[in-house]
Amino acid sequence: MSVTIRRYLDADWERLCEIHDRARLDELRGSVDLAAFLPLTDTAGPEGLFDGELWVACDADRVLGFVAVADDEVTWLYVDPDMYRRGIGRRLLRRAVERCGPVVTTEALGANAPAIALYESEGFAVVESVTGKLEGNESFATTGVRMRLEQPR
């Protein structure tokens, strides 16, 4: 598999929806009732998917995952569940971090151990645990973590 990372194209939209909608269920599991799930078509605009820069990881023409950055925050990171644990999320995260300033932040749901482990393996540290409303579907409460990476200048 030869994975490349490139900027998002409008033609990638349907594939991003497929990836998000499958992977989001894994992200929610253990942190909040799965009834909190909302598809990407409902959340991309209100949650700012296109507010910053957006990249996709591809094998040939097939999109395998995506990452978004707004200001110096990694705001979205999803990988096709069929492609978990193959380094795609790590490569996307590294691309995002390259584009940020010396301090990079992100958030993860508290029970999303794989995401937290990925961020920590790339130098992020948990700086705060927060209990409150689930962003994008505020009728559900959950606990999450805020994470921070300080890059050398």
Foldseek 3Di string as FASTA:
>chain_A
DDKDKDFDDPVCVVVAQVQCQVQVCVQCPPWWPSVLDDTCVQVCVVQPVPQATKMFIDDVPHTFWIWGDHAQETEDTTGRPVCPPVCRSLVRVVVSNVPYDQKHKYKGFPPSVVVVVSCVVVAKDFDDKDWAADPPRRVIIGIMTMIMHGHDD
